Amino acid sequence: MANKRIRFWDIGSQEPVDIRVRDNGDGTYALETVTGAVPTAGCVRAAVSVNSAGNNTLVAAASGKRTKVLGLLLVASGAVNVRLDNGPGGAPLTGTISLAAEGNGFVLPVTLPGSHWLETSINTALVLNLSAAVQVSGCIVYYQEA
């Protein structure tokens, strides 16, 4: 239990707060705030709206940086298979996800930096591959770092 780190989201300040459990060495424990533990600068929220079969860039490549996805919501207007890829024609970052009917979708709940769901390679775009020309909409939360 000692030195276990717990992350909370402060609703008032809209900033993450890290708390660590410290072993006092006498059979008791104390909670202490860990400052500067979670980077939040540079987090981006963006709309997703794509409808072309094949590769659709969600986040453009950034020189010398990786894209790290903190959260994602996608909803399809019809039956389509989707997959997140490491650049156009790159390695899959997810398996194929079947959105079998209008209104089907999925959510990757927002997490904190350092606990991201997936990441691209350096200098590589994040791509959403669609099996058919179907409207897919939603939003993404991400950050980019070296």
N, C-alpha and C. Protein backbone atom coordinates (compact mmCIF):
# COMPACT_ATOMS: atom_id res chain seq x y z
N MET A 1 0.81 -1.19 0.00
CA MET A 1 0.00 0.00 0.00
C MET A 1 0.86 1.26 0.00
N ALA A 2 2.01 1.20 0.61
CA ALA A 2 2.88 2.38 0.70
C ALA A 2 3.28 2.84 -0.69
N ASN A 3 3.34 4.15 -0.88
CA ASN A 3 3.73 4.80 -2.12
C ASN A 3 2.77 4.51 -3.28
N LYS A 4 1.58 4.04 -2.98
CA LYS A 4 0.56 3.83 -4.00
C LYS A 4 0.04 5.19 -4.44
N ARG A 5 0.00 5.43 -5.74
CA ARG A 5 -0.46 6.71 -6.27
C ARG A 5 -1.89 6.57 -6.76
N ILE A 6 -2.72 7.55 -6.42
CA ILE A 6 -4.12 7.57 -6.83
C ILE A 6 -4.35 8.89 -7.54
N ARG A 7 -5.03 8.85 -8.70
CA ARG A 7 -5.32 10.07 -9.45
C ARG A 7 -6.80 10.42 -9.34
N PHE A 8 -7.06 11.70 -9.10
CA PHE A 8 -8.41 12.23 -9.05
C PHE A 8 -8.50 13.38 -10.03
N TRP A 9 -9.72 13.71 -10.46
CA TRP A 9 -9.94 14.88 -11.30
C TRP A 9 -10.69 15.90 -10.46
N ASP A 10 -10.08 17.05 -10.25
CA ASP A 10 -10.69 18.12 -9.47
C ASP A 10 -11.70 18.84 -10.36
N ILE A 11 -12.98 18.66 -10.08
CA ILE A 11 -14.04 19.21 -10.91
C ILE A 11 -13.98 20.74 -10.91
N GLY A 12 -13.66 21.33 -9.78
CA GLY A 12 -13.61 22.79 -9.69
C GLY A 12 -12.53 23.41 -10.55
N SER A 13 -11.31 22.91 -10.44
CA SER A 13 -10.19 23.50 -11.18
C SER A 13 -9.99 22.88 -12.55
N GLN A 14 -10.68 21.74 -12.82
CA GLN A 14 -10.52 21.00 -14.06
C GLN A 14 -9.09 20.53 -14.25
N GLU A 15 -8.42 20.20 -13.16
CA GLU A 15 -7.05 19.72 -13.20
C GLU A 15 -6.95 18.39 -12.45
N PRO A 16 -6.04 17.52 -12.88
CA PRO A 16 -5.84 16.27 -12.14
C PRO A 16 -5.07 16.53 -10.84
N VAL A 17 -5.33 15.70 -9.87
CA VAL A 17 -4.64 15.77 -8.58
C VAL A 17 -4.14 14.36 -8.26
N ASP A 18 -2.87 14.23 -7.97
CA ASP A 18 -2.31 12.94 -7.57
C ASP A 18 -2.15 12.92 -6.05
N ILE A 19 -2.58 11.82 -5.46
CA ILE A 19 -2.44 11.60 -4.03
C ILE A 19 -1.61 10.33 -3.86
N ARG A 20 -0.66 10.36 -2.94
CA ARG A 20 0.17 9.20 -2.67
C ARG A 20 -0.08 8.76 -1.23
N VAL A 21 -0.13 7.45 -1.02
CA VAL A 21 -0.24 6.90 0.32
C VAL A 21 1.17 6.69 0.84
N ARG A 22 1.52 7.37 1.94
CA ARG A 22 2.86 7.28 2.52
C ARG A 22 2.82 6.42 3.77
N ASP A 23 3.74 5.47 3.86
CA ASP A 23 3.88 4.63 5.05
C ASP A 23 4.67 5.42 6.09
N ASN A 24 4.06 5.66 7.23
CA ASN A 24 4.73 6.41 8.30
C ASN A 24 5.74 5.57 9.07
N GLY A 25 5.78 4.27 8.79
CA GLY A 25 6.76 3.40 9.44
C GLY A 25 6.34 2.91 10.82
N ASP A 26 5.18 3.34 11.28
CA ASP A 26 4.72 2.93 12.62
C ASP A 26 3.38 2.20 12.55
N GLY A 27 3.08 1.65 11.36
CA GLY A 27 1.81 0.96 11.18
C GLY A 27 0.67 1.87 10.74
N THR A 28 0.97 3.16 10.58
CA THR A 28 -0.05 4.09 10.09
C THR A 28 0.37 4.62 8.73
N TYR A 29 -0.59 5.17 8.03
CA TYR A 29 -0.36 5.71 6.69
C TYR A 29 -0.89 7.13 6.63
N ALA A 30 -0.33 7.91 5.72
CA ALA A 30 -0.79 9.28 5.51
C ALA A 30 -0.98 9.51 4.03
N LEU A 31 -1.91 10.42 3.69
CA LEU A 31 -2.11 10.83 2.31
C LEU A 31 -1.36 12.13 2.07
N GLU A 32 -0.66 12.21 0.94
CA GLU A 32 0.02 13.45 0.61
C GLU A 32 -0.20 13.76 -0.87
N THR A 33 -0.27 15.03 -1.19
CA THR A 33 -0.45 15.46 -2.57
C THR A 33 0.88 15.40 -3.28
N VAL A 34 0.86 14.87 -4.49
CA VAL A 34 2.05 14.81 -5.33
C VAL A 34 1.90 15.93 -6.35
N THR A 35 2.79 16.89 -6.35
CA THR A 35 2.68 18.02 -7.26
C THR A 35 3.45 17.77 -8.54
N GLY A 36 2.92 18.31 -9.63
CA GLY A 36 3.59 18.21 -10.93
C GLY A 36 3.67 16.81 -11.47
N ALA A 37 2.81 15.92 -11.01
CA ALA A 37 2.92 14.52 -11.41
C ALA A 37 2.25 14.21 -12.75
N VAL A 38 1.26 15.00 -13.13
CA VAL A 38 0.51 14.68 -14.33
C VAL A 38 0.51 15.88 -15.28
N PRO A 39 1.14 15.75 -16.45
CA PRO A 39 1.11 16.86 -17.39
C PRO A 39 -0.26 17.01 -18.03
N THR A 40 -0.82 18.22 -18.05
CA THR A 40 -2.10 18.43 -18.72
C THR A 40 -1.99 19.46 -19.83
N ALA A 41 -0.90 20.22 -19.85
CA ALA A 41 -0.72 21.20 -20.91
C ALA A 41 -0.65 20.47 -22.24
N GLY A 42 -1.30 21.01 -23.24
CA GLY A 42 -1.24 20.42 -24.57
C GLY A 42 -2.32 19.41 -24.85
N CYS A 43 -3.20 19.11 -23.91
CA CYS A 43 -4.31 18.20 -24.18
C CYS A 43 -5.27 18.90 -25.13
N VAL A 44 -5.71 18.17 -26.15
CA VAL A 44 -6.56 18.73 -27.20
C VAL A 44 -7.86 17.94 -27.27
N ARG A 45 -8.96 18.68 -27.40
CA ARG A 45 -10.27 18.07 -27.67
C ARG A 45 -10.65 18.46 -29.08
N ALA A 46 -11.08 17.47 -29.88
CA ALA A 46 -11.41 17.77 -31.28
C ALA A 46 -12.61 16.94 -31.72
N ALA A 47 -13.39 17.51 -32.62
CA ALA A 47 -14.52 16.79 -33.20
C ALA A 47 -14.01 15.77 -34.22
N VAL A 48 -14.77 14.69 -34.36
CA VAL A 48 -14.50 13.68 -35.38
C VAL A 48 -15.69 13.68 -36.33
N SER A 49 -15.43 13.79 -37.62
CA SER A 49 -16.47 13.71 -38.63
C SER A 49 -15.83 13.22 -39.92
N VAL A 50 -15.98 11.92 -40.20
CA VAL A 50 -15.38 11.32 -41.39
C VAL A 50 -16.45 10.48 -42.10
N ASN A 51 -16.26 10.28 -43.41
CA ASN A 51 -17.25 9.49 -44.15
C ASN A 51 -16.69 8.82 -45.40
N SER A 52 -15.37 8.72 -45.50
CA SER A 52 -14.76 8.08 -46.66
C SER A 52 -14.28 6.68 -46.32
N ALA A 53 -14.56 5.74 -47.22
CA ALA A 53 -14.03 4.39 -47.03
C ALA A 53 -12.51 4.46 -47.07
N GLY A 54 -11.86 3.65 -46.25
CA GLY A 54 -10.40 3.64 -46.21
C GLY A 54 -9.87 4.55 -45.11
N ASN A 55 -8.72 5.17 -45.37
CA ASN A 55 -8.01 5.95 -44.36
C ASN A 55 -8.57 7.36 -44.20
N ASN A 56 -8.82 7.74 -42.94
CA ASN A 56 -9.29 9.08 -42.59
C ASN A 56 -8.41 9.57 -41.44
N THR A 57 -7.68 10.67 -41.66
CA THR A 57 -6.79 11.18 -40.63
C THR A 57 -7.59 11.86 -39.53
N LEU A 58 -7.44 11.37 -38.29
CA LEU A 58 -8.07 12.01 -37.13
C LEU A 58 -7.16 13.05 -36.53
N VAL A 59 -5.85 12.73 -36.43
CA VAL A 59 -4.85 13.65 -35.88
C VAL A 59 -3.64 13.62 -36.81
N ALA A 60 -3.28 14.77 -37.32
CA ALA A 60 -2.12 14.86 -38.22
C ALA A 60 -0.83 14.54 -37.48
N ALA A 61 0.14 14.03 -38.22
CA ALA A 61 1.46 13.77 -37.65
C ALA A 61 2.09 15.06 -37.18
N ALA A 62 2.83 15.00 -36.09
CA ALA A 62 3.56 16.16 -35.56
C ALA A 62 5.04 15.81 -35.54
N SER A 63 5.86 16.68 -36.06
CA SER A 63 7.28 16.44 -36.17
C SER A 63 7.92 16.08 -34.82
N GLY A 64 8.52 14.91 -34.78
CA GLY A 64 9.23 14.46 -33.58
C GLY A 64 8.33 14.04 -32.43
N LYS A 65 7.01 13.90 -32.68
CA LYS A 65 6.08 13.58 -31.59
C LYS A 65 5.20 12.39 -31.91
N ARG A 66 4.70 11.77 -30.84
CA ARG A 66 3.70 10.70 -30.90
C ARG A 66 2.35 11.30 -30.50
N THR A 67 1.27 10.77 -31.04
CA THR A 67 -0.07 11.13 -30.59
C THR A 67 -0.52 10.09 -29.59
N LYS A 68 -0.98 10.54 -28.43
CA LYS A 68 -1.43 9.64 -27.36
C LYS A 68 -2.91 9.93 -27.08
N VAL A 69 -3.75 8.93 -27.27
CA VAL A 69 -5.19 9.10 -27.15
C VAL A 69 -5.63 8.88 -25.71
N LEU A 70 -6.30 9.92 -25.18
CA LEU A 70 -6.82 9.87 -23.80
C LEU A 70 -8.28 9.48 -23.74
N GLY A 71 -9.02 9.72 -24.81
CA GLY A 71 -10.44 9.39 -24.84
C GLY A 71 -10.97 9.48 -26.26
N LEU A 72 -12.04 8.74 -26.53
CA LEU A 72 -12.59 8.71 -27.88
C LEU A 72 -14.05 8.29 -27.82
N LEU A 73 -14.89 8.97 -28.60
CA LEU A 73 -16.29 8.61 -28.79
C LEU A 73 -16.53 8.55 -30.27
N LEU A 74 -17.05 7.43 -30.77
CA LEU A 74 -17.40 7.30 -32.19
C LEU A 74 -18.80 6.72 -32.30
N VAL A 75 -19.61 7.28 -33.21
CA VAL A 75 -20.96 6.78 -33.50
C VAL A 75 -21.12 6.77 -35.01
N ALA A 76 -21.66 5.66 -35.55
CA ALA A 76 -21.82 5.51 -36.99
C ALA A 76 -23.27 5.76 -37.41
N SER A 77 -23.45 6.27 -38.64
CA SER A 77 -24.80 6.49 -39.15
C SER A 77 -25.32 5.28 -39.91
N GLY A 78 -24.54 4.23 -39.97
CA GLY A 78 -24.93 2.99 -40.64
C GLY A 78 -23.90 1.91 -40.33
N ALA A 79 -24.11 0.75 -40.90
CA ALA A 79 -23.20 -0.38 -40.65
C ALA A 79 -21.83 -0.12 -41.26
N VAL A 80 -20.79 -0.26 -40.44
CA VAL A 80 -19.42 -0.05 -40.90
C VAL A 80 -18.47 -0.70 -39.90
N ASN A 81 -17.33 -1.17 -40.39
CA ASN A 81 -16.25 -1.64 -39.53
C ASN A 81 -15.22 -0.53 -39.43
N VAL A 82 -14.72 -0.29 -38.22
CA VAL A 82 -13.72 0.77 -38.01
C VAL A 82 -12.49 0.18 -37.34
N ARG A 83 -11.35 0.83 -37.59
CA ARG A 83 -10.09 0.42 -36.96
C ARG A 83 -9.19 1.64 -36.88
N LEU A 84 -8.53 1.82 -35.76
CA LEU A 84 -7.54 2.89 -35.61
C LEU A 84 -6.18 2.35 -36.04
N ASP A 85 -5.51 3.12 -36.91
CA ASP A 85 -4.24 2.68 -37.48
C ASP A 85 -3.12 3.68 -37.18
N ASN A 86 -1.90 3.16 -37.17
CA ASN A 86 -0.69 3.95 -36.98
C ASN A 86 -0.27 4.51 -38.33
N GLY A 87 -0.97 5.56 -38.78
CA GLY A 87 -0.70 6.17 -40.08
C GLY A 87 -1.46 5.47 -41.19
N PRO A 88 -1.56 6.11 -42.37
CA PRO A 88 -2.25 5.50 -43.51
C PRO A 88 -1.54 4.22 -43.94
N GLY A 89 -2.25 3.11 -43.94
CA GLY A 89 -1.66 1.83 -44.31
C GLY A 89 -0.71 1.27 -43.26
N GLY A 90 -0.67 1.91 -42.08
CA GLY A 90 0.24 1.47 -41.02
C GLY A 90 -0.34 0.34 -40.19
N ALA A 91 0.40 -0.04 -39.18
CA ALA A 91 -0.01 -1.13 -38.30
C ALA A 91 -1.28 -0.75 -37.56
N PRO A 92 -2.18 -1.72 -37.38
CA PRO A 92 -3.40 -1.46 -36.60
C PRO A 92 -3.07 -1.16 -35.14
N LEU A 93 -3.74 -0.16 -34.58
CA LEU A 93 -3.62 0.15 -33.16
C LEU A 93 -4.76 -0.50 -32.36
N THR A 94 -5.82 -0.88 -33.07
CA THR A 94 -6.93 -1.63 -32.48
C THR A 94 -7.28 -2.75 -33.44
N GLY A 95 -8.08 -3.67 -32.97
CA GLY A 95 -8.66 -4.65 -33.88
C GLY A 95 -9.80 -3.98 -34.63
N THR A 96 -10.40 -4.71 -35.56
CA THR A 96 -11.55 -4.20 -36.29
C THR A 96 -12.76 -4.19 -35.35
N ILE A 97 -13.44 -3.05 -35.30
CA ILE A 97 -14.60 -2.88 -34.43
C ILE A 97 -15.82 -2.77 -35.32
N SER A 98 -16.79 -3.67 -35.16
CA SER A 98 -17.99 -3.69 -35.98
C SER A 98 -19.07 -2.80 -35.37
N LEU A 99 -19.46 -1.78 -36.12
CA LEU A 99 -20.60 -0.95 -35.75
C LEU A 99 -21.71 -1.38 -36.70
N ALA A 100 -22.56 -2.29 -36.23
CA ALA A 100 -23.45 -3.06 -37.10
C ALA A 100 -24.69 -2.33 -37.58
N ALA A 101 -25.04 -1.19 -37.00
CA ALA A 101 -26.27 -0.51 -37.41
C ALA A 101 -26.17 0.97 -37.10
N GLU A 102 -27.10 1.75 -37.65
CA GLU A 102 -27.16 3.18 -37.37
C GLU A 102 -27.25 3.43 -35.87
N GLY A 103 -26.43 4.35 -35.40
CA GLY A 103 -26.44 4.69 -33.98
C GLY A 103 -25.50 3.85 -33.13
N ASN A 104 -24.91 2.80 -33.71
CA ASN A 104 -23.94 2.01 -32.96
C ASN A 104 -22.65 2.80 -32.81
N GLY A 105 -21.98 2.62 -31.67
CA GLY A 105 -20.74 3.31 -31.43
C GLY A 105 -20.00 2.73 -30.26
N PHE A 106 -18.96 3.42 -29.84
CA PHE A 106 -18.21 2.99 -28.66
C PHE A 106 -17.51 4.19 -28.04
N VAL A 107 -17.11 3.99 -26.79
CA VAL A 107 -16.43 5.04 -26.03
C VAL A 107 -15.18 4.47 -25.39
N LEU A 108 -14.08 5.20 -25.50
CA LEU A 108 -12.90 4.97 -24.67
C LEU A 108 -12.96 6.11 -23.65
N PRO A 109 -13.36 5.84 -22.42
CA PRO A 109 -13.53 6.92 -21.44
C PRO A 109 -12.23 7.71 -21.24
N VAL A 110 -12.37 8.99 -21.03
CA VAL A 110 -11.20 9.86 -20.87
C VAL A 110 -10.38 9.43 -19.66
N THR A 111 -9.10 9.29 -19.88
CA THR A 111 -8.16 8.95 -18.83
C THR A 111 -7.14 10.08 -18.74
N LEU A 112 -6.18 9.95 -17.87
CA LEU A 112 -5.18 11.01 -17.68
C LEU A 112 -3.91 10.73 -18.48
N PRO A 113 -3.17 11.79 -18.82
CA PRO A 113 -1.89 11.59 -19.51
C PRO A 113 -1.02 10.60 -18.74
N GLY A 114 -0.34 9.75 -19.48
CA GLY A 114 0.46 8.70 -18.86
C GLY A 114 -0.31 7.40 -18.74
N SER A 115 -1.64 7.48 -18.86
CA SER A 115 -2.49 6.28 -18.81
C SER A 115 -3.31 6.19 -20.10
N HIS A 116 -2.74 6.70 -21.20
CA HIS A 116 -3.45 6.78 -22.47
C HIS A 116 -3.83 5.39 -23.00
N TRP A 117 -4.84 5.37 -23.87
CA TRP A 117 -5.35 4.13 -24.44
C TRP A 117 -4.43 3.57 -25.53
N LEU A 118 -3.92 4.44 -26.38
CA LEU A 118 -3.05 3.99 -27.47
C LEU A 118 -2.21 5.16 -27.95
N GLU A 119 -1.16 4.85 -28.71
CA GLU A 119 -0.29 5.91 -29.22
C GLU A 119 0.25 5.54 -30.59
N THR A 120 0.54 6.56 -31.37
CA THR A 120 1.15 6.36 -32.67
C THR A 120 2.67 6.34 -32.52
N SER A 121 3.34 6.00 -33.60
CA SER A 121 4.79 6.14 -33.66
C SER A 121 5.13 7.61 -33.82
N ILE A 122 6.39 7.96 -33.62
CA ILE A 122 6.85 9.33 -33.83
C ILE A 122 6.64 9.71 -35.30
N ASN A 123 6.21 10.96 -35.54
CA ASN A 123 6.00 11.50 -36.89
C ASN A 123 4.91 10.77 -37.67
N THR A 124 3.91 10.22 -36.98
CA THR A 124 2.88 9.41 -37.64
C THR A 124 1.49 9.90 -37.28
N ALA A 125 0.62 10.01 -38.29
CA ALA A 125 -0.76 10.43 -38.08
C ALA A 125 -1.57 9.30 -37.42
N LEU A 126 -2.61 9.70 -36.71
CA LEU A 126 -3.59 8.74 -36.19
C LEU A 126 -4.70 8.66 -37.23
N VAL A 127 -4.97 7.45 -37.71
CA VAL A 127 -5.91 7.25 -38.81
C VAL A 127 -7.07 6.37 -38.35
N LEU A 128 -8.28 6.74 -38.79
CA LEU A 128 -9.46 5.90 -38.60
C LEU A 128 -9.78 5.29 -39.95
N ASN A 129 -9.70 3.97 -40.04
CA ASN A 129 -9.98 3.26 -41.28
C ASN A 129 -11.43 2.78 -41.26
N LEU A 130 -12.19 3.13 -42.31
CA LEU A 130 -13.58 2.70 -42.44
C LEU A 130 -13.71 1.68 -43.56
N SER A 131 -14.53 0.66 -43.34
CA SER A 131 -14.74 -0.37 -44.36
C SER A 131 -15.68 0.08 -45.47
N ALA A 132 -16.44 1.16 -45.23
CA ALA A 132 -17.39 1.66 -46.21
C ALA A 132 -17.55 3.16 -46.03
N ALA A 133 -18.14 3.81 -47.04
CA ALA A 133 -18.37 5.26 -46.99
C ALA A 133 -19.61 5.55 -46.14
N VAL A 134 -19.43 5.54 -44.84
CA VAL A 134 -20.50 5.77 -43.87
C VAL A 134 -20.06 6.90 -42.94
N GLN A 135 -20.97 7.80 -42.59
CA GLN A 135 -20.64 8.89 -41.67
C GLN A 135 -20.34 8.33 -40.28
N VAL A 136 -19.17 8.69 -39.75
CA VAL A 136 -18.79 8.35 -38.38
C VAL A 136 -18.43 9.67 -37.70
N SER A 137 -19.09 9.94 -36.58
CA SER A 137 -18.91 11.22 -35.87
C SER A 137 -18.57 10.95 -34.42
N GLY A 138 -18.05 11.97 -33.76
CA GLY A 138 -17.75 11.85 -32.34
C GLY A 138 -16.75 12.89 -31.91
N CYS A 139 -15.90 12.53 -30.95
CA CYS A 139 -14.87 13.44 -30.47
C CYS A 139 -13.69 12.64 -29.94
N ILE A 140 -12.57 13.31 -29.88
CA ILE A 140 -11.33 12.69 -29.42
C ILE A 140 -10.61 13.65 -28.48
N VAL A 141 -9.96 13.08 -27.46
CA VAL A 141 -9.10 13.85 -26.56
C VAL A 141 -7.72 13.21 -26.66
N TYR A 142 -6.70 14.04 -26.91
CA TYR A 142 -5.35 13.50 -27.12
C TYR A 142 -4.31 14.55 -26.74
N TYR A 143 -3.07 14.10 -26.71
CA TYR A 143 -1.94 15.03 -26.60
C TYR A 143 -0.80 14.46 -27.42
N GLN A 144 0.17 15.30 -27.74
CA GLN A 144 1.32 14.88 -28.52
C GLN A 144 2.58 15.21 -27.75
N GLU A 145 3.50 14.25 -27.70
CA GLU A 145 4.79 14.47 -27.04
C GLU A 145 5.84 13.60 -27.67
N ALA A 146 7.10 13.98 -27.46
CA ALA A 146 8.23 13.24 -28.03
C ALA A 146 8.36 11.88 -27.38
